[in-house]
Amino acid sequence: MDDYSVKTERQMKRLYHSLGERDRRRYAAVEVDKLGHGGLEYISKLLGCDPKAIRRGIAELESEEELDSNRQRKKGRDENC
């Protein structure tokens, strides 16, 4: 697995921090999928996101259910992603 360039990492972090919790974990999940082996550790470290939250994002994206985009968690319950 090759790391992203410094410029790309900076852009990814900027986008990541502009998203809500659910979209952050789903975005991280897509990046992990693109990178393959070693991607989970790399993206978790790069974005400061808990690997468990990324795995949850992966499960959400792989699920046959429609992605819910309306409901938000109550404040104070962040999964660190």
N, C-alpha and C. Protein backbone atom coordinates (compact mmCIF):
# COMPACT_ATOMS: atom_id res chain seq x y z
N MET A 1 0.84 -1.18 0.00
CA MET A 1 0.00 0.00 0.00
C MET A 1 0.89 1.24 0.00
N ASP A 2 0.61 2.16 -0.88
CA ASP A 2 1.33 3.43 -0.93
C ASP A 2 0.55 4.49 -0.17
N ASP A 3 1.26 5.33 0.58
CA ASP A 3 0.64 6.45 1.28
C ASP A 3 0.23 7.51 0.26
N TYR A 4 -0.74 8.31 0.65
CA TYR A 4 -1.14 9.45 -0.18
C TYR A 4 -0.08 10.54 -0.07
N SER A 5 -0.07 11.46 -1.02
CA SER A 5 0.84 12.60 -0.97
C SER A 5 0.45 13.52 0.19
N VAL A 6 1.36 14.36 0.59
CA VAL A 6 1.09 15.32 1.67
C VAL A 6 -0.09 16.21 1.30
N LYS A 7 -0.14 16.64 0.06
CA LYS A 7 -1.24 17.50 -0.40
C LYS A 7 -2.58 16.77 -0.29
N THR A 8 -2.61 15.53 -0.74
CA THR A 8 -3.85 14.75 -0.69
C THR A 8 -4.26 14.49 0.75
N GLU A 9 -3.31 14.16 1.61
CA GLU A 9 -3.62 13.96 3.03
C GLU A 9 -4.22 15.22 3.64
N ARG A 10 -3.67 16.37 3.32
CA ARG A 10 -4.17 17.64 3.84
C ARG A 10 -5.61 17.87 3.38
N GLN A 11 -5.89 17.60 2.11
CA GLN A 11 -7.24 17.77 1.57
C GLN A 11 -8.22 16.79 2.21
N MET A 12 -7.76 15.56 2.42
CA MET A 12 -8.62 14.56 3.05
C MET A 12 -8.99 14.97 4.48
N LYS A 13 -8.00 15.44 5.24
CA LYS A 13 -8.26 15.89 6.60
C LYS A 13 -9.23 17.07 6.62
N ARG A 14 -9.04 17.97 5.70
CA ARG A 14 -9.91 19.15 5.63
C ARG A 14 -11.36 18.74 5.33
N LEU A 15 -11.53 17.85 4.37
CA LEU A 15 -12.87 17.36 4.05
C LEU A 15 -13.45 16.59 5.23
N TYR A 16 -12.68 15.70 5.79
CA TYR A 16 -13.12 14.86 6.90
C TYR A 16 -13.67 15.71 8.05
N HIS A 17 -12.95 16.75 8.41
CA HIS A 17 -13.37 17.59 9.54
C HIS A 17 -14.56 18.49 9.22
N SER A 18 -14.94 18.58 7.95
CA SER A 18 -16.12 19.37 7.59
C SER A 18 -17.39 18.53 7.61
N LEU A 19 -17.25 17.21 7.79
CA LEU A 19 -18.39 16.29 7.75
C LEU A 19 -18.95 16.02 9.14
N GLY A 20 -20.19 15.56 9.17
CA GLY A 20 -20.80 15.10 10.41
C GLY A 20 -20.26 13.72 10.77
N GLU A 21 -20.57 13.26 11.96
CA GLU A 21 -20.03 11.99 12.48
C GLU A 21 -20.29 10.81 11.54
N ARG A 22 -21.53 10.63 11.12
CA ARG A 22 -21.89 9.50 10.27
C ARG A 22 -21.15 9.55 8.94
N ASP A 23 -21.12 10.74 8.33
CA ASP A 23 -20.43 10.88 7.05
C ASP A 23 -18.92 10.72 7.20
N ARG A 24 -18.35 11.11 8.34
CA ARG A 24 -16.92 10.91 8.58
C ARG A 24 -16.56 9.43 8.57
N ARG A 25 -17.34 8.62 9.30
CA ARG A 25 -16.99 7.20 9.35
C ARG A 25 -17.22 6.52 8.00
N ARG A 26 -18.21 6.97 7.25
CA ARG A 26 -18.45 6.39 5.92
C ARG A 26 -17.37 6.82 4.93
N TYR A 27 -16.94 8.07 5.02
CA TYR A 27 -15.85 8.54 4.16
C TYR A 27 -14.58 7.75 4.46
N ALA A 28 -14.28 7.59 5.76
CA ALA A 28 -13.09 6.83 6.15
C ALA A 28 -13.20 5.39 5.64
N ALA A 29 -14.39 4.81 5.70
CA ALA A 29 -14.60 3.44 5.22
C ALA A 29 -14.32 3.32 3.73
N VAL A 30 -14.74 4.31 2.95
CA VAL A 30 -14.48 4.28 1.51
C VAL A 30 -12.98 4.37 1.24
N GLU A 31 -12.28 5.21 1.97
CA GLU A 31 -10.84 5.34 1.79
C GLU A 31 -10.12 4.03 2.15
N VAL A 32 -10.55 3.39 3.23
CA VAL A 32 -9.96 2.12 3.64
C VAL A 32 -10.16 1.08 2.54
N ASP A 33 -11.35 1.04 1.97
CA ASP A 33 -11.64 0.10 0.90
C ASP A 33 -10.76 0.34 -0.32
N LYS A 34 -10.52 1.59 -0.64
CA LYS A 34 -9.66 1.92 -1.79
C LYS A 34 -8.23 1.45 -1.57
N LEU A 35 -7.75 1.53 -0.33
CA LEU A 35 -6.36 1.21 -0.04
C LEU A 35 -6.10 -0.28 0.14
N GLY A 36 -7.10 -1.02 0.57
CA GLY A 36 -6.89 -2.45 0.78
C GLY A 36 -6.09 -2.73 2.03
N HIS A 37 -5.25 -3.77 1.98
CA HIS A 37 -4.49 -4.23 3.14
C HIS A 37 -3.66 -3.09 3.75
N GLY A 38 -3.82 -2.87 5.05
CA GLY A 38 -3.10 -1.81 5.75
C GLY A 38 -3.83 -0.49 5.75
N GLY A 39 -4.91 -0.40 5.00
CA GLY A 39 -5.64 0.85 4.88
C GLY A 39 -6.32 1.30 6.15
N LEU A 40 -6.86 0.34 6.91
CA LEU A 40 -7.57 0.70 8.14
C LEU A 40 -6.65 1.41 9.12
N GLU A 41 -5.49 0.86 9.35
CA GLU A 41 -4.54 1.47 10.28
C GLU A 41 -4.09 2.85 9.78
N TYR A 42 -3.78 2.93 8.49
CA TYR A 42 -3.30 4.19 7.90
C TYR A 42 -4.37 5.29 8.00
N ILE A 43 -5.59 4.99 7.59
CA ILE A 43 -6.66 6.00 7.60
C ILE A 43 -7.04 6.37 9.02
N SER A 44 -7.09 5.38 9.92
CA SER A 44 -7.40 5.65 11.31
C SER A 44 -6.40 6.64 11.91
N LYS A 45 -5.13 6.41 11.64
CA LYS A 45 -4.08 7.29 12.15
C LYS A 45 -4.13 8.66 11.47
N LEU A 46 -4.28 8.66 10.16
CA LEU A 46 -4.31 9.91 9.41
C LEU A 46 -5.45 10.83 9.85
N LEU A 47 -6.64 10.26 9.98
CA LEU A 47 -7.81 11.07 10.28
C LEU A 47 -8.12 11.16 11.78
N GLY A 48 -7.42 10.37 12.59
CA GLY A 48 -7.68 10.38 14.03
C GLY A 48 -9.02 9.75 14.35
N CYS A 49 -9.37 8.71 13.62
CA CYS A 49 -10.66 8.06 13.73
C CYS A 49 -10.49 6.67 14.34
N ASP A 50 -11.35 6.31 15.27
CA ASP A 50 -11.30 5.00 15.91
C ASP A 50 -11.55 3.91 14.86
N PRO A 51 -10.71 2.89 14.83
CA PRO A 51 -10.91 1.79 13.86
C PRO A 51 -12.29 1.13 13.98
N LYS A 52 -12.84 1.07 15.20
CA LYS A 52 -14.18 0.49 15.38
C LYS A 52 -15.23 1.31 14.64
N ALA A 53 -15.08 2.62 14.66
CA ALA A 53 -16.03 3.48 13.95
C ALA A 53 -15.91 3.28 12.44
N ILE A 54 -14.68 3.10 11.96
CA ILE A 54 -14.49 2.85 10.54
C ILE A 54 -15.12 1.51 10.15
N ARG A 55 -14.94 0.50 10.99
CA ARG A 55 -15.56 -0.80 10.72
C ARG A 55 -17.08 -0.67 10.68
N ARG A 56 -17.63 0.16 11.54
CA ARG A 56 -19.07 0.40 11.52
C ARG A 56 -19.47 1.06 10.20
N GLY A 57 -18.66 2.01 9.73
CA GLY A 57 -18.92 2.64 8.44
C GLY A 57 -18.86 1.64 7.30
N ILE A 58 -17.91 0.72 7.37
CA ILE A 58 -17.81 -0.33 6.34
C ILE A 58 -19.07 -1.17 6.35
N ALA A 59 -19.52 -1.57 7.54
CA ALA A 59 -20.73 -2.38 7.66
C ALA A 59 -21.94 -1.64 7.11
N GLU A 60 -22.04 -0.35 7.40
CA GLU A 60 -23.16 0.45 6.89
C GLU A 60 -23.16 0.48 5.37
N LEU A 61 -21.98 0.67 4.79
CA LEU A 61 -21.88 0.75 3.33
C LEU A 61 -22.13 -0.60 2.66
N GLU A 62 -21.77 -1.69 3.33
CA GLU A 62 -21.97 -3.02 2.76
C GLU A 62 -23.38 -3.56 2.97
N SER A 63 -24.13 -2.93 3.86
CA SER A 63 -25.49 -3.35 4.16
C SER A 63 -26.40 -3.12 2.96
N GLU A 64 -27.41 -3.96 2.86
CA GLU A 64 -28.40 -3.82 1.79
C GLU A 64 -29.41 -2.71 2.11
N GLU A 65 -29.45 -2.30 3.37
CA GLU A 65 -30.39 -1.26 3.78
C GLU A 65 -30.00 0.09 3.19
N GLU A 66 -31.00 0.93 2.97
CA GLU A 66 -30.75 2.27 2.46
C GLU A 66 -30.02 3.08 3.54
N LEU A 67 -29.07 3.88 3.12
CA LEU A 67 -28.31 4.69 4.08
C LEU A 67 -29.19 5.81 4.61
N ASP A 68 -29.32 5.87 5.93
CA ASP A 68 -30.10 6.91 6.59
C ASP A 68 -29.27 8.18 6.63
N SER A 69 -29.81 9.26 6.12
CA SER A 69 -29.05 10.52 6.11
C SER A 69 -29.75 11.62 6.90
N ASN A 70 -30.83 11.31 7.60
CA ASN A 70 -31.58 12.34 8.31
C ASN A 70 -31.30 12.35 9.81
N ARG A 71 -31.28 11.21 10.45
CA ARG A 71 -31.14 11.15 11.90
C ARG A 71 -29.71 11.43 12.32
N GLN A 72 -29.55 12.23 13.35
CA GLN A 72 -28.23 12.52 13.92
C GLN A 72 -28.21 12.08 15.37
N ARG A 73 -27.05 11.72 15.85
CA ARG A 73 -26.90 11.35 17.25
C ARG A 73 -27.06 12.58 18.13
N LYS A 74 -27.40 12.35 19.39
CA LYS A 74 -27.49 13.45 20.34
C LYS A 74 -26.08 13.94 20.64
N LYS A 75 -25.95 15.22 20.94
CA LYS A 75 -24.64 15.80 21.27
C LYS A 75 -24.05 15.08 22.48
N GLY A 76 -22.70 14.96 22.44
CA GLY A 76 -22.00 14.33 23.54
C GLY A 76 -21.76 12.85 23.36
N ARG A 77 -22.21 12.28 22.26
CA ARG A 77 -22.02 10.84 22.03
C ARG A 77 -21.24 10.64 20.74
N ASP A 78 -20.03 11.13 20.69
CA ASP A 78 -19.17 11.02 19.50
C ASP A 78 -18.35 9.74 19.60
N GLU A 79 -18.25 9.01 18.50
CA GLU A 79 -17.47 7.78 18.45
C GLU A 79 -16.03 8.03 18.08
N ASN A 80 -15.59 9.27 18.06
CA ASN A 80 -14.25 9.63 17.65
C ASN A 80 -14.03 9.33 16.17
N CYS A 81 -15.04 9.60 15.41
CA CYS A 81 -14.92 9.47 13.96
C CYS A 81 -15.95 10.33 13.30
